[in-house]
PDB file of N, CA and C in Angstrom:
ATOM      1  N   MET A   1    -167.218  82.763 -75.031  1.00  0.00           N
ATOM      2  CA  MET A   1    -168.324  82.415 -75.896  1.00  0.00           C
ATOM      3  C   MET A   1    -168.679  83.583 -76.807  1.00  0.00           C
ATOM      4  N   ILE A   2    -168.728  84.781 -76.243  1.00  0.00           N
ATOM      5  CA  ILE A   2    -169.064  85.964 -77.042  1.00  0.00           C
ATOM      6  C   ILE A   2    -167.948  86.247 -78.044  1.00  0.00           C
ATOM      7  N   VAL A   3    -166.733  86.011 -77.661  1.00  0.00           N
ATOM      8  CA  VAL A   3    -165.595  86.254 -78.546  1.00  0.00           C
ATOM      9  C   VAL A   3    -165.674  85.339 -79.766  1.00  0.00           C
ATOM     10  N   THR A   4    -166.028  84.081 -79.593  1.00  0.00           N
ATOM     11  CA  THR A   4    -166.119  83.169 -80.733  1.00  0.00           C
ATOM     12  C   THR A   4    -167.281  83.534 -81.648  1.00  0.00           C
ATOM     13  N   VAL A   5    -168.381  84.011 -81.112  1.00  0.00           N
ATOM     14  CA  VAL A   5    -169.528  84.446 -81.926  1.00  0.00           C
ATOM     15  C   VAL A   5    -169.136  85.654 -82.757  1.00  0.00           C
ATOM     16  N   LEU A   6    -168.442  86.619 -82.154  1.00  0.00           N
ATOM     17  CA  LEU A   6    -167.992  87.806 -82.880  1.00  0.00           C
ATOM     18  C   LEU A   6    -166.977  87.441 -83.968  1.00  0.00           C
ATOM     19  N   ALA A   7    -166.110  86.489 -83.687  1.00  0.00           N
ATOM     20  CA  ALA A   7    -165.114  86.062 -84.671  1.00  0.00           C
ATOM     21  C   ALA A   7    -165.787  85.385 -85.858  1.00  0.00           C
ATOM     22  N   GLN A   8    -166.813  84.588 -85.596  1.00  0.00           N
ATOM     23  CA  GLN A   8    -167.543  83.932 -86.679  1.00  0.00           C
ATOM     24  C   GLN A   8    -168.321  84.948 -87.508  1.00  0.00           C
ATOM     25  N   ALA A   9    -168.886  85.953 -86.857  1.00  0.00           N
ATOM     26  CA  ALA A   9    -169.639  86.991 -87.568  1.00  0.00           C
ATOM     27  C   ALA A   9    -168.705  87.805 -88.462  1.00  0.00           C
ATOM     28  N   ALA A  10    -167.525  88.108 -87.990  1.00  0.00           N
ATOM     29  CA  ALA A  10    -166.548  88.870 -88.780  1.00  0.00           C
ATOM     30  C   ALA A  10    -166.081  88.057 -89.980  1.00  0.00           C
ATOM     31  N   ALA A  11    -165.864  86.774 -89.789  1.00  0.00           N
ATOM     32  CA  ALA A  11    -165.422  85.918 -90.900  1.00  0.00           C
ATOM     33  C   ALA A  11    -166.517  85.783 -91.945  1.00  0.00           C
ATOM     34  N   GLY A  12    -167.769  85.681 -91.515  1.00  0.00           N
ATOM     35  CA  GLY A  12    -168.887  85.580 -92.450  1.00  0.00           C
ATOM     36  C   GLY A  12    -169.086  86.862 -93.232  1.00  0.00           C
ATOM     37  N   GLY A  13    -168.835  87.999 -92.625  1.00  0.00           N
ATOM     38  CA  GLY A  13    -168.995  89.286 -93.302  1.00  0.00           C
ATOM     39  C   GLY A  13    -167.988  89.461 -94.423  1.00  0.00           C
ATOM     40  N   SER A  14    -166.770  89.014 -94.226  1.00  0.00           N
ATOM     41  CA  SER A  14    -165.766  89.145 -95.278  1.00  0.00           C
ATOM     42  C   SER A  14    -166.072  88.204 -96.439  1.00  0.00           C
ATOM     43  N   GLY A  15    -166.700  87.077 -96.174  1.00  0.00           N
ATOM     44  CA  GLY A  15    -167.093  86.161 -97.235  1.00  0.00           C
ATOM     45  C   GLY A  15    -168.146  86.775 -98.135  1.00  0.00           C
ATOM     46  N   ILE A  16    -169.061  87.516 -97.535  1.00  0.00           N
ATOM     47  CA  ILE A  16    -170.105  88.191 -98.318  1.00  0.00           C
ATOM     48  C   ILE A  16    -169.482  89.278 -99.190  1.00  0.00           C
ATOM     49  N   MET A  17    -168.550  90.022 -98.626  1.00  0.00           N
ATOM     50  CA  MET A  17    -167.881  91.066 -99.408  1.00  0.00           C
ATOM     51  C   MET A  17    -167.092  90.456-100.571  1.00  0.00           C
ATOM     52  N   GLY A  18    -166.493  89.311-100.332  1.00  0.00           N
ATOM     53  CA  GLY A  18    -165.764  88.616-101.394  1.00  0.00           C
ATOM     54  C   GLY A  18    -166.697  88.184-102.513  1.00  0.00           C
ATOM     55  N   GLN A  19    -167.879  87.713-102.138  1.00  0.00           N
ATOM     56  CA  GLN A  19    -168.863  87.304-103.140  1.00  0.00           C
ATOM     57  C   GLN A  19    -169.380  88.504-103.928  1.00  0.00           C
ATOM     58  N   VAL A  20    -169.613  89.617-103.238  1.00  0.00           N
ATOM     59  CA  VAL A  20    -170.065  90.833-103.914  1.00  0.00           C
ATOM     60  C   VAL A  20    -168.989  91.305-104.892  1.00  0.00           C
ATOM     61  N   PHE A  21    -167.740  91.283-104.472  1.00  0.00           N
ATOM     62  CA  PHE A  21    -166.638  91.683-105.349  1.00  0.00           C
ATOM     63  C   PHE A  21    -166.544  90.766-106.557  1.00  0.00           C
ATOM     64  N   LEU A  22    -166.680  89.458-106.354  1.00  0.00           N
ATOM     65  CA  LEU A  22    -166.620  88.490-107.442  1.00  0.00           C
ATOM     66  C   LEU A  22    -167.770  88.720-108.429  1.00  0.00           C
ATOM     67  N   PHE A  23    -168.971  88.903-107.899  1.00  0.00           N
ATOM     68  CA  PHE A  23    -170.142  89.141-108.754  1.00  0.00           C
ATOM     69  C   PHE A  23    -169.986  90.440-109.547  1.00  0.00           C
ATOM     70  N   GLY A  24    -169.488  91.485-108.877  1.00  0.00           N
ATOM     71  CA  GLY A  24    -169.263  92.769-109.553  1.00  0.00           C
ATOM     72  C   GLY A  24    -168.215  92.660-110.654  1.00  0.00           C
ATOM     73  N   SER A  25    -167.158  91.896-110.398  1.00  0.00           N
ATOM     74  CA  SER A  25    -166.118  91.738-111.415  1.00  0.00           C
ATOM     75  C   SER A  25    -166.632  90.927-112.605  1.00  0.00           C
ATOM     76  N   ILE A  26    -167.502  89.948-112.363  1.00  0.00           N
ATOM     77  CA  ILE A  26    -168.098  89.186-113.469  1.00  0.00           C
ATOM     78  C   ILE A  26    -168.953  90.094-114.343  1.00  0.00           C
ATOM     79  N   ILE A  27    -169.738  90.969-113.724  1.00  0.00           N
ATOM     80  CA  ILE A  27    -170.568  91.910-114.487  1.00  0.00           C
ATOM     81  C   ILE A  27    -169.690  92.853-115.303  1.00  0.00           C
ATOM     82  N   LEU A  28    -168.610  93.321-114.715  1.00  0.00           N
ATOM     83  CA  LEU A  28    -167.693  94.217-115.418  1.00  0.00           C
ATOM     84  C   LEU A  28    -167.048  93.528-116.621  1.00  0.00           C
ATOM     85  N   ILE A  29    -166.633  92.293-116.439  1.00  0.00           N
ATOM     86  CA  ILE A  29    -166.041  91.526-117.541  1.00  0.00           C
ATOM     87  C   ILE A  29    -167.064  91.307-118.652  1.00  0.00           C
ATOM     88  N   MET A  30    -168.298  90.965-118.285  1.00  0.00           N
ATOM     89  CA  MET A  30    -169.357  90.775-119.297  1.00  0.00           C
ATOM     90  C   MET A  30    -169.598  92.063-120.076  1.00  0.00           C
ATOM     91  N   TYR A  31    -169.558  93.205-119.385  1.00  0.00           N
ATOM     92  CA  TYR A  31    -169.774  94.481-120.063  1.00  0.00           C
ATOM     93  C   TYR A  31    -168.689  94.725-121.104  1.00  0.00           C
ATOM     94  N   PHE A  32    -167.428  94.542-120.726  1.00  0.00           N
ATOM     95  CA  PHE A  32    -166.332  94.857-121.651  1.00  0.00           C
ATOM     96  C   PHE A  32    -166.167  93.840-122.772  1.00  0.00           C
ATOM     97  N   PHE A  33    -166.557  92.595-122.569  1.00  0.00           N
ATOM     98  CA  PHE A  33    -166.372  91.583-123.606  1.00  0.00           C
ATOM     99  C   PHE A  33    -167.625  91.258-124.404  1.00  0.00           C
ATOM    100  N   MET A  34    -168.822  91.631-123.914  1.00  0.00           N
ATOM    101  CA  MET A  34    -170.051  91.267-124.621  1.00  0.00           C
ATOM    102  C   MET A  34    -170.903  92.483-124.980  1.00  0.00           C
ATOM    103  N   ILE A  35    -171.220  93.293-124.023  1.00  0.00           N
ATOM    104  CA  ILE A  35    -172.173  94.384-124.244  1.00  0.00           C
ATOM    105  C   ILE A  35    -171.540  95.531-125.016  1.00  0.00           C
ATOM    106  N   ARG A  36    -170.361  95.965-124.615  1.00  0.00           N
ATOM    107  CA  ARG A  36    -169.712  97.114-125.266  1.00  0.00           C
ATOM    108  C   ARG A  36    -169.404  96.869-126.747  1.00  0.00           C
ATOM    109  N   PRO A  37    -168.830  95.708-127.132  1.00  0.00           N
ATOM    110  CA  PRO A  37    -168.596  95.477-128.563  1.00  0.00           C
ATOM    111  C   PRO A  37    -169.890  95.432-129.381  1.00  0.00           C
ATOM    112  N   GLN A  38    -170.958  94.887-128.798  1.00  0.00           N
ATOM    113  CA  GLN A  38    -172.238  94.844-129.500  1.00  0.00           C
ATOM    114  C   GLN A  38    -172.777  96.248-129.722  1.00  0.00           C
ATOM    115  N   GLN A  39    -172.669  97.113-128.727  1.00  0.00           N
ATOM    116  CA  GLN A  39    -173.116  98.495-128.876  1.00  0.00           C
ATOM    117  C   GLN A  39    -172.289  99.212-129.943  1.00  0.00           C
ATOM    118  N   LYS A  40    -170.996  98.950-129.982  1.00  0.00           N
ATOM    119  CA  LYS A  40    -170.120  99.570-130.982  1.00  0.00           C
ATOM    120  C   LYS A  40    -170.513  99.113-132.387  1.00  0.00           C
ATOM    121  N   LYS A  41    -170.805  97.827-132.552  1.00  0.00           N
ATOM    122  CA  LYS A  41    -171.207  97.299-133.852  1.00  0.00           C
ATOM    123  C   LYS A  41    -172.549  97.902-134.297  1.00  0.00           C
ATOM    124  N   GLN A  42    -173.491  98.040-133.372  1.00  0.00           N
ATOM    125  CA  GLN A  42    -174.781  98.648-133.701  1.00  0.00           C
ATOM    126  C   GLN A  42    -174.606 100.091-134.134  1.00  0.00           C
ATOM    127  N   LYS A  43    -173.711 100.817-133.477  1.00  0.00           N
ATOM    128  CA  LYS A  43    -173.450 102.205-133.825  1.00  0.00           C
ATOM    129  C   LYS A  43    -172.851 102.311-135.227  1.00  0.00           C
ATOM    130  N   GLU A  44    -171.904 101.418-135.561  1.00  0.00           N
ATOM    131  CA  GLU A  44    -171.293 101.411-136.888  1.00  0.00           C
ATOM    132  C   GLU A  44    -172.313 101.070-137.972  1.00  0.00           C
ATOM    133  N   THR A  45    -173.198 100.106-137.695  1.00  0.00           N
ATOM    134  CA  THR A  45    -174.229  99.712-138.654  1.00  0.00           C
ATOM    135  C   THR A  45    -175.190 100.856-138.901  1.00  0.00           C
ATOM    136  N   LYS A  46    -175.596 101.533-137.845  1.00  0.00           N
ATOM    137  CA  LYS A  46    -176.512 102.673-137.982  1.00  0.00           C
ATOM    138  C   LYS A  46    -175.863 103.783-138.814  1.00  0.00           C
ATOM    139  N   LYS A  47    -174.590 104.044-138.547  1.00  0.00           N
ATOM    140  CA  LYS A  47    -173.863 105.074-139.292  1.00  0.00           C
ATOM    141  C   LYS A  47    -173.774 104.687-140.773  1.00  0.00           C
ATOM    142  N   PHE A  48    -173.484 103.406-141.057  1.00  0.00           N
ATOM    143  CA  PHE A  48    -173.383 102.946-142.442  1.00  0.00           C
ATOM    144  C   PHE A  48    -174.715 103.106-143.174  1.00  0.00           C
ATOM    145  N   ILE A  49    -175.816 102.724-142.521  1.00  0.00           N
ATOM    146  CA  ILE A  49    -177.138 102.819-143.153  1.00  0.00           C
ATOM    147  C   ILE A  49    -177.492 104.272-143.446  1.00  0.00           C
ATOM    148  N   GLU A  50    -177.132 105.180-142.543  1.00  0.00           N
ATOM    149  CA  GLU A  50    -177.422 106.597-142.765  1.00  0.00           C
ATOM    150  C   GLU A  50    -176.585 107.180-143.901  1.00  0.00           C
ATOM    151  N   GLU A  51    -175.398 106.609-144.172  1.00  0.00           N
ATOM    152  CA  GLU A  51    -174.484 107.163-145.161  1.00  0.00           C
ATOM    153  C   GLU A  51    -174.536 106.455-146.519  1.00  0.00           C
ATOM    154  N   ILE A  52    -175.524 105.590-146.748  1.00  0.00           N
ATOM    155  CA  ILE A  52    -175.635 104.903-148.041  1.00  0.00           C
ATOM    156  C   ILE A  52    -175.873 105.943-149.122  1.00  0.00           C
ATOM    157  N   LYS A  53    -175.128 105.812-150.221  1.00  0.00           N
ATOM    158  CA  LYS A  53    -175.286 106.770-151.331  1.00  0.00           C
ATOM    159  C   LYS A  53    -175.258 106.029-152.663  1.00  0.00           C
ATOM    160  N   LYS A  54    -175.613 106.719-153.701  1.00  0.00           N
ATOM    161  CA  LYS A  54    -175.654 106.144-155.041  1.00  0.00           C
ATOM    162  C   LYS A  54    -174.259 105.659-155.441  1.00  0.00           C
ATOM    163  N   GLY A  55    -174.204 104.441-156.000  1.00  0.00           N
ATOM    164  CA  GLY A  55    -172.939 103.883-156.470  1.00  0.00           C
ATOM    165  C   GLY A  55    -172.291 102.908-155.510  1.00  0.00           C
ATOM    166  N   ASP A  56    -172.767 102.827-154.268  1.00  0.00           N
ATOM    167  CA  ASP A  56    -172.193 101.877-153.302  1.00  0.00           C
ATOM    168  C   ASP A  56    -172.571 100.446-153.674  1.00  0.00           C
ATOM    169  N   ASP A  57    -171.616  99.526-153.546  1.00  0.00           N
ATOM    170  CA  ASP A  57    -171.895  98.093-153.702  1.00  0.00           C
ATOM    171  C   ASP A  57    -172.273  97.560-152.333  1.00  0.00           C
ATOM    172  N   VAL A  58    -173.477  96.999-152.217  1.00  0.00           N
ATOM    173  CA  VAL A  58    -173.965  96.542-150.925  1.00  0.00           C
ATOM    174  C   VAL A  58    -174.517  95.128-151.004  1.00  0.00           C
ATOM    175  N   VAL A  59    -174.708  94.529-149.829  1.00  0.00           N
ATOM    176  CA  VAL A  59    -175.330  93.217-149.695  1.00  0.00           C
ATOM    177  C   VAL A  59    -176.507  93.372-148.742  1.00  0.00           C
ATOM    178  N   THR A  60    -177.657  92.800-149.110  1.00  0.00           N
ATOM    179  CA  THR A  60    -178.823  92.867-148.231  1.00  0.00           C
ATOM    180  C   THR A  60    -178.771  91.730-147.225  1.00  0.00           C
ATOM    181  N   ILE A  61    -179.663  91.779-146.256  1.00  0.00           N
ATOM    182  CA  ILE A  61    -179.754  90.723-145.254  1.00  0.00           C
ATOM    183  C   ILE A  61    -180.106  89.393-145.920  1.00  0.00           C
ATOM    184  N   GLY A  62    -180.885  89.450-146.994  1.00  0.00           N
ATOM    185  CA  GLY A  62    -181.270  88.243-147.718  1.00  0.00           C
ATOM    186  C   GLY A  62    -180.195  87.704-148.636  1.00  0.00           C
ATOM    187  N   GLY A  63    -179.077  88.423-148.783  1.00  0.00           N
ATOM    188  CA  GLY A  63    -177.966  87.931-149.580  1.00  0.00           C
ATOM    189  C   GLY A  63    -177.907  88.485-150.991  1.00  0.00           C
ATOM    190  N   LEU A  64    -178.756  89.464-151.336  1.00  0.00           N
ATOM    191  CA  LEU A  64    -178.697  90.063-152.670  1.00  0.00           C
ATOM    192  C   LEU A  64    -177.525  91.030-152.753  1.00  0.00           C
ATOM    193  N   HIS A  65    -176.702  90.878-153.786  1.00  0.00           N
ATOM    194  CA  HIS A  65    -175.575  91.775-154.028  1.00  0.00           C
ATOM    195  C   HIS A  65    -176.005  92.736-155.124  1.00  0.00           C
ATOM    196  N   GLY A  66    -175.791  94.028-154.892  1.00  0.00           N
ATOM    197  CA  GLY A  66    -176.162  94.993-155.911  1.00  0.00           C
ATOM    198  C   GLY A  66    -175.500  96.331-155.691  1.00  0.00           C
ATOM    199  N   LYS A  67    -175.735  97.224-156.660  1.00  0.00           N
ATOM    200  CA  LYS A  67    -175.199  98.573-156.600  1.00  0.00           C
ATOM    201  C   LYS A  67    -176.355  99.520-156.342  1.00  0.00           C
ATOM    202  N   VAL A  68    -176.183 100.474-155.439  1.00  0.00           N
ATOM    203  CA  VAL A  68    -177.240 101.418-155.101  1.00  0.00           C
ATOM    204  C   VAL A  68    -177.482 102.327-156.299  1.00  0.00           C
ATOM    205  N   SER A  69    -178.727 102.300-156.789  1.00  0.00           N
ATOM    206  CA  SER A  69    -179.123 103.126-157.924  1.00  0.00           C
ATOM    207  C   SER A  69    -179.630 104.482-157.444  1.00  0.00           C
ATOM    208  N   SER A  70    -180.413 104.467-156.362  1.00  0.00           N
ATOM    209  CA  SER A  70    -180.882 105.716-155.761  1.00  0.00           C
ATOM    210  C   SER A  70    -181.350 105.452-154.338  1.00  0.00           C
ATOM    211  N   VAL A  71    -181.435 106.544-153.570  1.00  0.00           N
ATOM    212  CA  VAL A  71    -181.882 106.469-152.182  1.00  0.00           C
ATOM    213  C   VAL A  71    -183.021 107.454-152.008  1.00  0.00           C
ATOM    214  N   GLU A  72    -184.154 106.970-151.479  1.00  0.00           N
ATOM    215  CA  GLU A  72    -185.327 107.809-151.234  1.00  0.00           C
ATOM    216  C   GLU A  72    -185.799 107.581-149.805  1.00  0.00           C
ATOM    217  N   ASN A  73    -185.487 108.488-148.903  1.00  0.00           N
ATOM    218  CA  ASN A  73    -185.858 108.378-147.487  1.00  0.00           C
ATOM    219  C   ASN A  73    -185.415 107.033-146.910  1.00  0.00           C
ATOM    220  N   ASP A  74    -186.349 106.107-146.647  1.00  0.00           N
ATOM    221  CA  ASP A  74    -186.018 104.807-146.064  1.00  0.00           C
ATOM    222  C   ASP A  74    -185.971 103.695-147.102  1.00  0.00           C
ATOM    223  N   ILE A  75    -186.072 104.037-148.386  1.00  0.00           N
ATOM    224  CA  ILE A  75    -186.061 103.054-149.473  1.00  0.00           C
ATOM    225  C   ILE A  75    -184.764 103.189-150.261  1.00  0.00           C
ATOM    226  N   VAL A  76    -184.157 102.046-150.569  1.00  0.00           N
ATOM    227  CA  VAL A  76    -182.959 102.010-151.411  1.00  0.00           C
ATOM    228  C   VAL A  76    -183.309 101.203-152.655  1.00  0.00           C
ATOM    229  N   ILE A  77    -182.993 101.740-153.821  1.00  0.00           N
ATOM    230  CA  ILE A  77    -183.214 101.010-155.069  1.00  0.00           C
ATOM    231  C   ILE A  77    -181.868 100.444-155.509  1.00  0.00           C
ATOM    232  N   LEU A  78    -181.817  99.100-155.567  1.00  0.00           N
ATOM    233  CA  LEU A  78    -180.596  98.400-155.945  1.00  0.00           C
ATOM    234  C   LEU A  78    -180.676  97.930-157.384  1.00  0.00           C
ATOM    235  N   GLU A  79    -179.591  98.112-158.109  1.00  0.00           N
ATOM    236  CA  GLU A  79    -179.481  97.560-159.457  1.00  0.00           C
ATOM    237  C   GLU A  79    -178.704  96.257-159.331  1.00  0.00           C
ATOM    238  N   LEU A  80    -179.366  95.149-159.660  1.00  0.00           N
ATOM    239  CA  LEU A  80    -178.752  93.839-159.459  1.00  0.00           C
ATOM    240  C   LEU A  80    -177.931  93.402-160.661  1.00  0.00           C
ATOM    241  N   ASP A  81    -178.568  93.249-161.845  1.00  0.00           N
ATOM    242  CA  ASP A  81    -177.852  92.770-163.015  1.00  0.00           C
ATOM    243  C   ASP A  81    -178.619  93.186-164.257  1.00  0.00           C
ATOM    244  N   ARG A  82    -177.921  93.684-165.234  1.00  0.00           N
ATOM    245  CA  ARG A  82    -178.504  94.075-166.522  1.00  0.00           C
ATOM    246  C   ARG A  82    -179.702  95.012-166.369  1.00  0.00           C
ATOM    247  N   GLY A  83    -179.606  95.956-165.468  1.00  0.00           N
ATOM    248  CA  GLY A  83    -180.659  96.942-165.302  1.00  0.00           C
ATOM    249  C   GLY A  83    -181.819  96.499-164.437  1.00  0.00           C
ATOM    250  N   PHE A  84    -181.777  95.301-163.876  1.00  0.00           N
ATOM    251  CA  PHE A  84    -182.846  94.819-163.001  1.00  0.00           C
ATOM    252  C   PHE A  84    -182.746  95.544-161.668  1.00  0.00           C
ATOM    253  N   LYS A  85    -183.834  96.241-161.282  1.00  0.00           N
ATOM    254  CA  LYS A  85    -183.809  97.044-160.062  1.00  0.00           C
ATOM    255  C   LYS A  85    -184.788  96.496-159.035  1.00  0.00           C
ATOM    256  N   VAL A  86    -184.383  96.594-157.778  1.00  0.00           N
ATOM    257  CA  VAL A  86    -185.181  96.100-156.662  1.00  0.00           C
ATOM    258  C   VAL A  86    -185.252  97.197-155.603  1.00  0.00           C
ATOM    259  N   ARG A  87    -186.459  97.370-155.024  1.00  0.00           N
ATOM    260  CA  ARG A  87    -186.629  98.326-153.928  1.00  0.00           C
ATOM    261  C   ARG A  87    -186.530  97.571-152.603  1.00  0.00           C
ATOM    262  N   VAL A  88    -185.671  98.039-151.713  1.00  0.00           N
ATOM    263  CA  VAL A  88    -185.533  97.433-150.388  1.00  0.00           C
ATOM    264  C   VAL A  88    -185.491  98.537-149.338  1.00  0.00           C
ATOM    265  N   GLU A  89    -185.825  98.170-148.120  1.00  0.00           N
ATOM    266  CA  GLU A  89    -185.714  99.100-146.993  1.00  0.00           C
ATOM    267  C   GLU A  89    -184.241  99.314-146.669  1.00  0.00           C
ATOM    268  N   LYS A  90    -183.915 100.487-146.174  1.00  0.00           N
ATOM    269  CA  LYS A  90    -182.532 100.757-145.776  1.00  0.00           C
ATOM    270  C   LYS A  90    -182.073  99.783-144.694  1.00  0.00           C
ATOM    271  N   SER A  91    -182.979  99.427-143.815  1.00  0.00           N
ATOM    272  CA  SER A  91    -182.615  98.534-142.713  1.00  0.00           C
ATOM    273  C   SER A  91    -182.289  97.123-143.199  1.00  0.00           C
ATOM    274  N   ALA A  92    -182.668  96.772-144.447  1.00  0.00           N
ATOM    275  CA  ALA A  92    -182.370  95.450-145.001  1.00  0.00           C
ATOM    276  C   ALA A  92    -180.963  95.372-145.586  1.00  0.00           C
ATOM    277  N   VAL A  93    -180.276  96.491-145.695  1.00  0.00           N
ATOM    278  CA  VAL A  93    -178.908  96.499-146.213  1.00  0.00           C
ATOM    279  C   VAL A  93    -177.977  96.180-145.048  1.00  0.00           C
ATOM    280  N   SER A  94    -177.139  95.150-145.230  1.00  0.00           N
ATOM    281  CA  SER A  94    -176.335  94.705-144.091  1.00  0.00           C
ATOM    282  C   SER A  94    -174.891  95.179-144.121  1.00  0.00           C
ATOM    283  N   MET A  95    -174.278  95.296-145.306  1.00  0.00           N
ATOM    284  CA  MET A  95    -172.874  95.717-145.315  1.00  0.00           C
ATOM    285  C   MET A  95    -172.480  96.299-146.661  1.00  0.00           C
ATOM    286  N   ASP A  96    -171.373  97.009-146.640  1.00  0.00           N
ATOM    287  CA  ASP A  96    -170.800  97.582-147.848  1.00  0.00           C
ATOM    288  C   ASP A  96    -169.891  96.528-148.455  1.00  0.00           C
ATOM    289  N   PHE A  97    -170.288  95.985-149.579  1.00  0.00           N
ATOM    290  CA  PHE A  97    -169.560  94.873-150.196  1.00  0.00           C
ATOM    291  C   PHE A  97    -168.210  95.305-150.737  1.00  0.00           C
ATOM    292  N   SER A  98    -168.102  96.540-151.223  1.00  0.00           N
ATOM    293  CA  SER A  98    -166.835  96.981-151.813  1.00  0.00           C
ATOM    294  C   SER A  98    -165.739  97.075-150.750  1.00  0.00           C
ATOM    295  N   LYS A  99    -166.081  97.448-149.520  1.00  0.00           N
ATOM    296  CA  LYS A  99    -165.082  97.518-148.458  1.00  0.00           C
ATOM    297  C   LYS A  99    -164.689  96.140-147.977  1.00  0.00           C
ATOM    298  N   LYS A 100    -165.619  95.199-147.947  1.00  0.00           N
ATOM    299  CA  LYS A 100    -165.325  93.840-147.474  1.00  0.00           C
ATOM    300  C   LYS A 100    -164.412  93.094-148.439  1.00  0.00           C
ATOM    301  N   THR A 101    -164.561  93.326-149.746  1.00  0.00           N
ATOM    302  CA  THR A 101    -163.746  92.597-150.716  1.00  0.00           C
ATOM    303  C   THR A 101    -162.356  93.204-150.866  1.00  0.00           C
ATOM    304  N   SER A 102    -162.189  94.478-150.522  1.00  0.00           N
ATOM    305  CA  SER A 102    -160.886  95.128-150.703  1.00  0.00           C
ATOM    306  C   SER A 102    -159.886  94.739-149.610  1.00  0.00           C
ATOM    307  N   LYS A 103    -160.332  94.154-148.509  1.00  0.00           N
ATOM    308  CA  LYS A 103    -159.430  93.807-147.412  1.00  0.00           C
ATOM    309  C   LYS A 103    -158.677  92.556-147.671  1.00  0.00           C
TER     310      LYS A 103
END
């Protein structure tokens, strides 16, 4: 009787370890396929926003396409068309349009 109880306890313990291993592997897979690429993209976006300079062709989050006329701290002045200029926050600039079109 004691032998069968011990055998059942040992079998149940390995099942728990299997579940822990499965759960841990799911978390690891989520990290490499979801969290890590998102962190990499955020890092690239932050680097791009810090490196905006006069003459860059950019697109804002709202979809405005323009050329950077000047940069003042957190403000970017975009020249849209025929000298029309717009002031936007640096964080509103989403991508470098000249690099996206050259690919």
